[in-house]
Protein backbone atom coordinates (compact mmCIF):
# COMPACT_ATOMS: atom_id res chain seq x y z
CA MET A 1 22.02 166.07 61.94
CA THR A 2 25.46 167.58 62.56
CA GLU A 3 28.55 166.33 60.77
CA PRO A 4 30.58 163.98 62.96
CA SER A 5 33.92 165.22 64.25
CA SER A 6 37.15 164.15 62.55
CA ALA A 7 37.95 161.75 65.41
CA VAL A 8 34.55 160.08 65.25
CA ARG A 9 34.73 159.95 61.46
CA GLU A 10 38.13 158.24 61.61
CA VAL A 11 36.86 155.69 64.13
CA LEU A 12 33.88 154.88 61.91
CA ILE A 13 36.16 154.47 58.89
CA GLN A 14 38.52 152.11 60.69
CA VAL A 15 35.63 150.08 62.16
CA ALA A 16 34.09 149.72 58.69
CA TYR A 17 37.47 148.69 57.25
CA LEU A 18 38.13 146.22 60.07
CA ALA A 19 34.72 144.60 59.68
CA SER A 20 35.21 144.52 55.91
CA SER A 21 38.62 142.85 56.26
CA VAL A 22 37.25 140.20 58.61
CA LEU A 23 34.35 139.45 56.26
CA PHE A 24 36.71 139.21 53.28
CA ILE A 25 38.79 136.66 55.19
CA LEU A 26 35.70 134.67 56.19
CA GLY A 27 34.40 134.85 52.63
CA LEU A 28 37.69 133.56 51.27
CA ARG A 29 37.60 130.74 53.80
CA GLY A 30 34.05 129.86 52.72
CA LEU A 31 35.12 129.60 49.09
CA SER A 32 37.46 126.73 50.02
CA ASP A 33 34.42 124.48 50.58
CA PRO A 34 31.79 124.08 47.81
CA ALA A 35 29.03 123.66 50.40
CA LYS A 36 29.90 127.03 51.96
CA ALA A 37 30.82 128.89 48.78
CA ARG A 38 27.50 130.72 48.41
CA ASN A 39 27.66 131.98 51.98
CA GLY A 40 31.28 133.00 51.41
CA MET A 41 30.23 135.08 48.41
CA ARG A 42 27.53 136.79 50.48
CA GLN A 43 30.07 137.65 53.17
CA ALA A 44 32.38 139.09 50.52
CA MET A 45 29.51 141.19 49.12
CA VAL A 46 28.76 142.65 52.55
CA ALA A 47 32.49 143.27 53.01
CA MET A 48 32.59 145.25 49.77
CA LEU A 49 29.55 147.29 50.84
CA LEU A 50 31.25 148.17 54.14
CA ALA A 51 34.43 149.07 52.26
CA VAL A 52 32.51 151.50 50.03
CA ILE A 53 30.73 153.05 53.04
CA GLY A 54 34.03 153.48 54.86
CA THR A 55 35.60 155.10 51.81
CA LEU A 56 32.70 157.55 51.46
CA LEU A 57 33.34 158.77 55.02
CA HIS A 58 36.83 160.07 54.18
CA HIS A 59 37.25 163.80 54.82
CA GLU A 60 38.98 164.22 51.45
CA ILE A 61 35.57 163.92 49.81
CA VAL A 62 34.20 167.46 49.91
CA ARG A 63 31.50 167.15 47.23
CA PHE A 64 29.20 164.20 46.85
CA ASP A 65 27.22 165.38 43.84
CA PHE A 66 29.85 164.40 41.27
CA LEU A 67 30.54 161.22 43.21
CA LEU A 68 26.85 160.34 43.21
CA VAL A 69 26.63 160.92 39.45
CA GLY A 70 29.72 158.75 38.89
CA LEU A 71 28.40 155.97 41.10
CA THR A 72 25.02 156.06 39.36
CA ILE A 73 26.49 155.95 35.88
CA GLY A 74 29.03 153.32 36.93
CA SER A 75 26.34 151.15 38.50
CA ILE A 76 24.13 151.35 35.42
CA VAL A 77 27.01 150.55 33.08
CA GLY A 78 28.13 147.76 35.41
CA VAL A 79 24.66 146.20 35.47
CA VAL A 80 24.18 146.57 31.70
CA ILE A 81 27.54 144.89 30.98
CA GLY A 82 27.98 142.62 33.98
CA LEU A 83 24.51 141.10 34.31
CA PRO A 84 24.34 139.62 30.79
CA LEU A 85 27.90 138.35 31.16
CA GLY A 86 27.14 136.72 34.48
CA ILE A 87 23.96 135.06 33.16
CA ASP A 88 24.87 134.20 29.57
CA VAL A 89 28.56 133.21 29.81
CA PRO A 90 28.72 129.40 29.35
CA MET A 91 30.92 127.32 31.65
CA THR A 92 33.34 126.71 28.79
CA ALA A 93 33.97 130.46 28.59
CA MET A 94 34.30 131.04 32.33
CA PRO A 95 38.15 130.86 32.37
CA GLN A 96 38.51 133.63 29.80
CA PHE A 97 35.80 135.59 31.61
CA VAL A 98 37.88 135.38 34.79
CA ALA A 99 40.99 136.45 32.87
CA ILE A 100 39.30 139.51 31.38
CA SER A 101 37.90 140.41 34.83
CA HIS A 102 41.45 140.44 36.18
CA MET A 103 42.38 142.78 33.35
CA PHE A 104 39.74 145.33 34.30
CA GLY A 105 40.84 145.26 37.95
CA ALA A 106 44.46 145.74 36.91
CA VAL A 107 43.49 148.63 34.63
CA ALA A 108 41.89 150.37 37.62
CA ALA A 109 44.97 149.84 39.80
CA THR A 110 47.32 151.12 37.08
CA LEU A 111 45.24 154.23 36.36
CA VAL A 112 44.96 155.05 40.07
CA GLY A 113 48.75 154.74 40.38
CA ILE A 114 49.33 157.05 37.41
CA ASP A 115 46.81 159.60 38.72
CA GLU A 116 48.38 159.57 42.19
CA TYR A 117 51.82 160.10 40.66
CA ARG A 118 50.53 163.14 38.77
CA ALA A 119 48.69 164.45 41.86
CA LEU A 120 51.98 164.44 43.77
CA GLY A 121 53.61 166.64 41.15
CA ASN A 122 55.52 163.80 39.42
CA ALA A 123 57.94 163.82 42.38
CA PRO A 124 56.54 161.74 45.29
CA ALA A 125 58.65 160.92 48.34
CA ALA A 126 60.83 157.81 48.09
CA PRO A 127 58.52 155.43 50.06
CA ILE A 128 55.47 156.56 48.06
CA MET A 129 57.41 156.28 44.80
CA ALA A 130 58.39 152.71 45.68
CA ALA A 131 54.76 151.76 46.37
CA LEU A 132 53.50 153.52 43.23
CA GLY A 133 56.21 151.88 41.14
CA PHE A 134 55.30 148.37 42.21
CA GLU A 135 51.63 149.21 41.78
CA VAL A 136 51.93 150.32 38.16
CA ILE A 137 54.51 147.66 37.20
CA LEU A 138 52.39 144.78 38.54
CA GLY A 139 49.19 146.42 37.33
CA ALA A 140 50.42 147.10 33.78
CA LEU A 141 51.87 143.61 33.22
CA THR A 142 48.66 142.11 34.62
CA VAL A 143 46.59 144.14 32.14
CA THR A 144 48.34 142.83 29.05
CA GLY A 145 49.08 139.41 30.54
CA SER A 146 45.40 138.89 31.37
CA PHE A 147 44.37 140.01 27.90
CA MET A 148 46.83 137.57 26.32
CA ALA A 149 45.48 134.78 28.53
CA PHE A 150 41.96 135.72 27.47
CA ALA A 151 42.99 135.73 23.80
CA LYS A 152 44.56 132.27 24.08
CA LEU A 153 41.61 130.78 25.96
CA GLN A 154 39.17 132.39 23.51
CA GLU A 155 41.35 131.09 20.64
CA LEU A 156 41.83 134.58 19.21
CA ILE A 157 45.48 133.54 19.03
CA ARG A 158 46.78 129.97 19.01
CA GLY A 159 46.93 128.22 22.36
CA LYS A 160 50.26 126.54 21.66
CA PRO A 161 53.40 128.21 23.05
CA ILE A 162 54.73 131.01 20.84
CA THR A 163 58.47 131.29 21.27
CA PHE A 164 61.49 132.94 19.71
CA PRO A 165 65.24 132.56 20.40
CA GLY A 166 66.35 134.27 23.59
CA GLN A 167 62.80 134.91 24.75
CA ASN A 168 63.41 134.07 28.40
CA TYR A 169 66.50 136.31 28.47
CA ALA A 170 64.46 139.12 26.93
CA ASN A 171 61.73 138.73 29.56
CA VAL A 172 64.19 138.73 32.45
CA GLY A 173 66.04 141.68 30.93
CA LEU A 174 62.84 143.72 30.59
CA PHE A 175 61.84 142.94 34.16
CA LEU A 176 65.25 144.04 35.47
CA LEU A 177 64.98 147.18 33.32
CA SER A 178 61.63 148.08 34.91
CA ILE A 179 63.06 147.55 38.40
CA GLY A 180 66.13 149.61 37.47
CA LEU A 181 63.92 152.48 36.25
CA LEU A 182 61.97 152.34 39.52
CA ILE A 183 65.12 152.43 41.66
CA TYR A 184 66.49 155.39 39.70
CA GLN A 185 63.23 157.32 40.23
CA ILE A 186 63.34 156.60 43.96
CA ILE A 187 66.86 158.03 44.12
CA VAL A 188 66.28 160.87 41.63
CA PRO A 189 62.61 162.00 41.82
CA GLY A 190 60.84 164.11 39.24
CA GLN A 191 61.38 161.93 36.15
CA PRO A 192 57.93 161.60 34.52
CA MET A 193 59.30 160.28 31.21
CA LEU A 194 61.06 157.45 33.03
CA PHE A 195 57.88 156.73 34.99
CA TYR A 196 55.78 156.34 31.85
CA GLY A 197 58.59 154.41 30.19
CA MET A 198 58.52 152.01 33.15
CA VAL A 199 54.77 151.53 32.64
CA GLY A 200 55.36 150.83 28.96
CA VAL A 201 58.06 148.24 29.71
CA ALA A 202 55.78 146.49 32.20
CA THR A 203 53.02 146.44 29.58
CA LEU A 204 55.37 144.69 27.16
CA ILE A 205 56.42 142.20 29.85
CA GLY A 206 52.80 141.07 30.24
CA VAL A 207 52.57 140.23 26.53
CA LEU A 208 55.91 138.40 26.32
CA MET A 209 55.32 136.57 29.61
CA VAL A 210 52.16 134.80 28.39
CA LEU A 211 53.14 134.17 24.74
CA PRO A 212 55.39 131.15 25.47
CA ILE A 213 52.85 129.51 27.79
CA GLY A 214 50.59 126.80 26.37
CA GLY A 215 46.90 126.22 26.98
CA ALA A 216 47.57 123.40 29.45
CA ASP A 217 49.22 125.85 31.84
CA MET A 218 46.77 128.71 31.41
CA PRO A 219 44.88 127.99 34.68
CA VAL A 220 48.15 128.50 36.58
CA VAL A 221 48.85 131.71 34.66
CA VAL A 222 45.36 133.11 35.37
CA SER A 223 45.83 132.36 39.06
CA LEU A 224 49.28 133.95 39.04
CA LEU A 225 47.96 137.07 37.30
CA ASN A 226 45.29 137.26 39.97
CA ALA A 227 48.07 137.29 42.55
CA TYR A 228 49.84 140.11 40.69
CA ALA A 229 46.63 142.14 40.62
CA GLY A 230 46.22 141.61 44.36
CA LEU A 231 49.77 142.73 45.07
CA ALA A 232 49.20 145.80 42.88
CA ALA A 233 46.14 146.65 44.98
CA SER A 234 48.16 146.16 48.17
CA ALA A 235 50.88 148.49 46.88
CA MET A 236 48.11 150.98 46.04
CA GLY A 237 47.04 150.77 49.68
CA PHE A 238 50.54 151.74 50.82
CA ALA A 239 50.62 154.64 48.35
CA LEU A 240 47.19 155.91 49.43
CA ASN A 241 47.62 155.06 53.12
CA ASN A 242 44.55 152.83 52.95
CA ASN A 243 44.65 149.90 55.38
CA LEU A 244 41.80 148.03 53.72
CA LEU A 245 43.52 147.97 50.34
CA ILE A 246 46.70 146.71 51.98
CA VAL A 247 44.89 143.85 53.74
CA VAL A 248 42.58 142.82 50.90
CA GLY A 249 45.33 143.13 48.27
CA ALA A 250 47.64 140.97 50.38
CA LEU A 251 44.86 138.38 50.80
CA ASP A 252 44.26 138.30 47.07
CA GLY A 253 47.96 138.10 46.27
CA ALA A 254 48.72 135.40 48.82
CA SER A 255 45.71 133.25 47.87
CA GLY A 256 46.59 133.56 44.17
CA PHE A 257 50.16 132.46 44.77
CA LEU A 258 49.11 129.57 47.03
CA LEU A 259 46.59 128.38 44.44
CA SER A 260 49.24 128.58 41.73
CA VAL A 261 51.61 126.53 43.88
CA LEU A 262 48.93 123.91 44.53
CA MET A 263 48.16 123.59 40.81
CA CYS A 264 51.85 123.29 39.97
CA LYS A 265 52.13 120.58 42.60
CA ALA A 266 49.13 118.80 41.06
CA MET A 267 50.98 118.78 37.72
CA ASN A 268 54.33 117.91 39.35
CA ARG A 269 55.83 121.05 37.85
CA SER A 270 57.54 124.16 39.15
CA PHE A 271 56.73 127.83 38.62
CA GLY A 272 59.84 128.13 36.47
CA ASN A 273 58.77 125.24 34.29
CA VAL A 274 55.32 126.75 33.81
CA LEU A 275 56.59 130.25 33.06
CA PHE A 276 59.64 129.34 30.99
CA GLY A 277 59.15 125.73 29.91
CA ALA A 278 56.94 126.29 26.83
CA PHE A 279 55.08 123.09 27.73
CA GLY A 280 53.27 121.59 24.73
CA ALA A 281 55.41 123.31 22.13
CA THR A 282 56.57 120.02 20.66
CA THR A 283 55.83 116.32 21.06
CA THR A 284 58.55 114.81 18.91
CA SER A 285 59.87 112.58 21.73
CA VAL A 286 56.49 111.20 22.74
CA LYS A 287 55.74 107.55 22.18
CA THR A 288 52.99 106.75 19.72
CA ALA A 289 50.42 104.00 19.89
CA GLU A 290 51.43 102.16 16.73
CA GLY A 291 50.21 98.57 16.62
CA LEU A 292 47.72 99.07 19.46
CA SER A 293 43.95 99.01 19.08
CA VAL A 294 40.99 100.23 21.05
CA ARG A 295 37.72 98.53 21.92
CA GLU A 296 34.57 100.42 21.01
CA VAL A 297 31.30 100.05 22.91
CA SER A 298 27.75 101.02 21.97
CA ALA A 299 25.54 103.21 24.15
CA GLU A 300 23.26 100.21 24.73
CA ASP A 301 26.06 97.99 26.06
CA ALA A 302 27.52 100.83 28.15
CA ALA A 303 24.08 101.43 29.70
CA VAL A 304 23.78 97.76 30.67
CA ARG A 305 27.19 97.86 32.30
CA LEU A 306 26.26 100.97 34.29
CA ALA A 307 22.82 99.65 35.26
CA TYR A 308 24.30 96.61 37.01
CA ALA A 309 27.29 98.40 38.56
CA GLN A 310 27.35 98.84 42.33
CA ASN A 311 30.08 101.47 42.38
CA VAL A 312 30.53 104.01 39.58
CA ILE A 313 33.11 106.79 39.60
CA VAL A 314 32.59 109.59 37.10
CA ILE A 315 35.67 111.56 35.98
CA PRO A 316 34.60 114.83 34.34
CA GLY A 317 36.90 116.86 32.09
CA TYR A 318 36.86 119.87 29.83
CA GLY A 319 34.98 117.86 27.19
CA LEU A 320 31.99 117.70 29.53
CA ALA A 321 32.01 121.49 29.80
CA VAL A 322 32.25 121.86 26.02
CA ALA A 323 29.26 119.56 25.52
CA ARG A 324 27.29 121.27 28.31
CA ALA A 325 26.14 117.84 29.39
CA GLN A 326 26.34 118.26 33.17
CA HIS A 327 22.56 118.00 33.64
CA LEU A 328 22.49 114.69 31.76
CA ILE A 329 25.26 113.40 34.04
CA ARG A 330 23.09 114.17 37.05
CA GLU A 331 20.09 112.46 35.43
CA MET A 332 22.19 109.40 34.58
CA ALA A 333 23.50 109.21 38.15
CA ASP A 334 19.95 109.38 39.55
CA LEU A 335 18.90 106.44 37.35
CA ILE A 336 21.91 104.36 38.43
CA GLU A 337 21.19 105.06 42.09
CA LYS A 338 17.53 104.11 41.66
CA LYS A 339 18.79 100.71 40.49
CA GLY A 340 20.89 100.32 43.66
CA GLY A 341 24.24 101.64 42.47
CA GLN A 342 26.37 104.38 43.96
CA VAL A 343 27.85 107.25 41.93
CA LYS A 344 30.78 109.42 42.96
CA TYR A 345 32.65 112.15 41.09
CA ALA A 346 36.45 112.31 40.99
CA ILE A 347 37.81 115.84 40.53
CA HIS A 348 41.42 116.38 39.50
CA PRO A 349 42.90 119.71 40.69
CA VAL A 350 43.69 120.85 37.14
CA ALA A 351 40.72 119.34 35.31
CA GLY A 352 39.17 121.91 33.00
CA ARG A 353 40.62 125.32 32.34
CA MET A 354 40.50 126.96 35.74
CA PRO A 355 40.64 125.90 39.40
CA GLY A 356 37.33 124.40 40.50
CA HIS A 357 35.99 124.31 36.93
CA MET A 358 34.47 120.84 37.32
CA ASN A 359 33.10 121.56 40.81
CA VAL A 360 31.23 124.62 39.53
CA LEU A 361 30.03 122.73 36.45
CA LEU A 362 28.58 119.88 38.50
CA ALA A 363 27.13 122.23 41.11
CA GLU A 364 25.26 123.96 38.28
CA ALA A 365 23.50 120.62 37.69
CA GLU A 366 22.78 120.37 41.45
CA VAL A 367 25.08 117.41 41.99
CA PRO A 368 25.35 117.05 45.80
CA TYR A 369 28.60 118.42 47.17
CA ASP A 370 29.19 115.29 49.22
CA ARG A 371 29.43 113.26 45.97
CA MET A 372 32.40 115.29 44.67
CA PHE A 373 35.80 114.09 45.83
CA ASP A 374 39.30 115.47 45.38
CA MET A 375 41.99 113.27 43.86
CA ASP A 376 43.54 112.37 47.23
CA GLU A 377 40.15 111.36 48.65
CA ILE A 378 38.95 109.21 45.75
CA ASN A 379 42.05 107.53 44.34
CA SER A 380 42.02 104.64 46.81
CA GLU A 381 38.42 103.81 45.83
CA PHE A 382 39.09 103.05 42.17
CA ASP A 383 40.20 99.50 43.05
CA ARG A 384 36.65 98.81 44.27
CA ALA A 385 34.88 100.62 41.42
CA ASP A 386 32.92 98.50 38.97
CA VAL A 387 33.01 101.23 36.31
CA ALA A 388 35.12 104.34 35.87
CA LEU A 389 33.31 106.66 33.46
CA VAL A 390 35.70 109.18 31.89
CA ILE A 391 33.93 112.09 30.18
CA GLY A 392 36.15 114.47 28.26
CA ALA A 393 39.16 114.06 30.55
CA ASN A 394 42.50 113.09 29.05
CA ASP A 395 45.89 113.91 30.58
CA VAL A 396 44.61 113.65 34.17
CA VAL A 397 43.90 109.91 33.70
CA ASN A 398 46.89 109.01 31.51
CA PRO A 399 48.91 106.16 33.12
CA ALA A 400 52.00 107.41 31.24
CA ALA A 401 52.38 109.86 34.09
CA ARG A 402 53.32 106.87 36.25
CA SER A 403 54.98 104.49 33.81
CA ASP A 404 56.80 106.44 31.07
CA PRO A 405 59.82 108.50 32.22
CA SER A 406 60.09 109.99 28.71
CA SER A 407 56.58 111.43 28.86
CA PRO A 408 56.26 115.20 29.44
CA ILE A 409 53.64 114.51 32.13
CA TYR A 410 55.76 111.89 33.93
CA GLY A 411 55.41 112.35 37.69
CA MET A 412 52.13 114.25 37.50
CA PRO A 413 49.62 112.87 40.03
CA ILE A 414 46.68 111.38 38.14
CA LEU A 415 43.32 109.83 38.92
CA ASN A 416 43.66 106.03 39.10
CA ALA A 417 40.97 105.28 36.51
CA ASP A 418 42.99 102.33 35.21
CA HIS A 419 42.56 100.58 38.58
CA ALA A 420 38.79 100.21 38.10
CA LYS A 421 37.36 96.84 37.05
CA SER A 422 35.91 98.37 33.90
CA ILE A 423 36.54 101.71 32.15
CA ILE A 424 34.29 103.60 29.74
CA VAL A 425 35.80 106.61 28.00
CA MET A 426 33.52 109.07 26.26
CA LYS A 427 35.29 111.12 23.56
CA ARG A 428 34.63 112.58 20.15
CA GLY A 429 37.69 110.83 18.74
CA MET A 430 41.23 109.77 19.51
CA GLY A 431 42.59 113.31 19.80
CA THR A 432 45.20 114.14 22.41
CA GLY A 433 44.75 116.39 25.43
CA PHE A 434 46.53 119.65 26.26
CA ALA A 435 49.84 117.82 26.66
CA GLY A 436 49.64 116.62 23.06
CA ILE A 437 50.44 112.97 23.85
CA GLU A 438 48.74 109.60 23.40
CA ASN A 439 46.69 108.38 26.35
CA GLU A 440 47.69 104.86 27.38
CA LEU A 441 44.36 104.41 29.12
CA PHE A 442 42.55 104.23 25.78
CA TYR A 443 44.46 101.05 24.87
CA ASN A 444 43.98 99.34 28.23
CA PRO A 445 42.21 95.94 27.81
CA LYS A 446 39.65 97.06 30.41
CA THR A 447 38.78 100.22 28.47
CA SER A 448 35.86 100.64 26.09
CA MET A 449 35.54 103.78 23.97
CA LEU A 450 32.13 105.39 23.49
CA PHE A 451 32.75 107.80 20.62
CA GLY A 452 30.61 110.84 19.88
CA ASP A 453 29.50 114.12 21.37
CA ALA A 454 29.23 113.74 25.14
CA LYS A 455 25.77 115.29 25.29
CA ALA A 456 24.37 113.02 22.58
CA SER A 457 26.06 109.94 24.07
CA LEU A 458 24.79 110.70 27.57
CA ALA A 459 21.29 111.26 26.21
CA LYS A 460 21.43 107.76 24.68
CA LEU A 461 22.72 106.30 27.97
CA VAL A 462 19.89 107.95 29.90
CA ALA A 463 17.30 106.68 27.42
CA GLU A 464 18.66 103.14 27.63
CA LEU A 465 18.87 103.19 31.44
CA LYS A 466 15.20 104.14 31.58
CA THR A 467 14.29 100.98 29.67
CA LEU A 468 16.38 98.57 31.80
């Protein structure tokens, strides 16, 4: 078989890239709906395969033997490392797994940018220098920023904001310095020391950017870092004249920013407040619950209440993920429905530690997708609910967000659990959530507290429901 001509080769490359881009877009669209998420992932996998095939057709590749060896070794290493991670990582560790995945992608983008800079003799043309500069700046700060997010989520360093006087000014100053170094290199090419200095400054920015951000805001930060990684890939596409990288990087960047905006809206906060507010650093102005008491309920009494309820709304939170009790939730719901009740699941946009955390957790237990409802869809139904069952959620059901202007979460949209006729809260104790404030819902006369590990408590509920 003869080698195709350059024109035919170019057509094949562009067709592969176009098909890949379309499939990436369709895959991203599928991920917006839990019922279509699996199909969306399959489309994205095919898109990646087409992207690799298109890349292998480039005329710049003159020897395939080294490439084949690299792909073989890379595939083996990827399977050896990636497969156990994909199978064994618990849902509680998924946010930090996502963060560290962003880091590896950003490392690749940064190294490609540095290699391309060297390949062009440390003096690329102004447009290429601009693209390479943004690529390595965004890539380098994403590398260290993602690692810091991973370290906070993994509790290698404390999750509370770490601040020092003038920190925000230092961050802005370093960012302006990196941009200034880039502009100077565009005007005066051939400055390798300044180039590597710019990379070093961006690396420091990533560390200092995440330090003052608390655990409550980490999902927004992870999403934002994903956007930075996407923009770095898009800039790489401009530098390498690769249309697919431009399109896919822009998709990744835009979707990451939009998701970050949606999460900020769900918390009634701005980007600036998330990035510079040091939310959760102190709670000295928060009202305490002195003089108030809670009502405790046994698993037996809670089971009776659930057995005779016609409408039950379950509100899952990070505590459910920690307890790994999602399968027991599904079993409990099946028992309630066998007795004639109806069970729905209310998902707050920022419940858990990453977007969609609760959706994925419940889907793992094969909870039907049509039983999971977003906050806007389910909030009006709490008035008709016989029981609202809160499992491990805290700030997202705190009525202080509506009633206490002095509360740090005031104005944040919450799930209307307090509107239900009866409320059962499952918690280990009376500890606060990420915001570090008392939850008014716990002291509501309609609320009963079922203390203990969620998995053990749910196991008791299931056992009691079976006897009723």
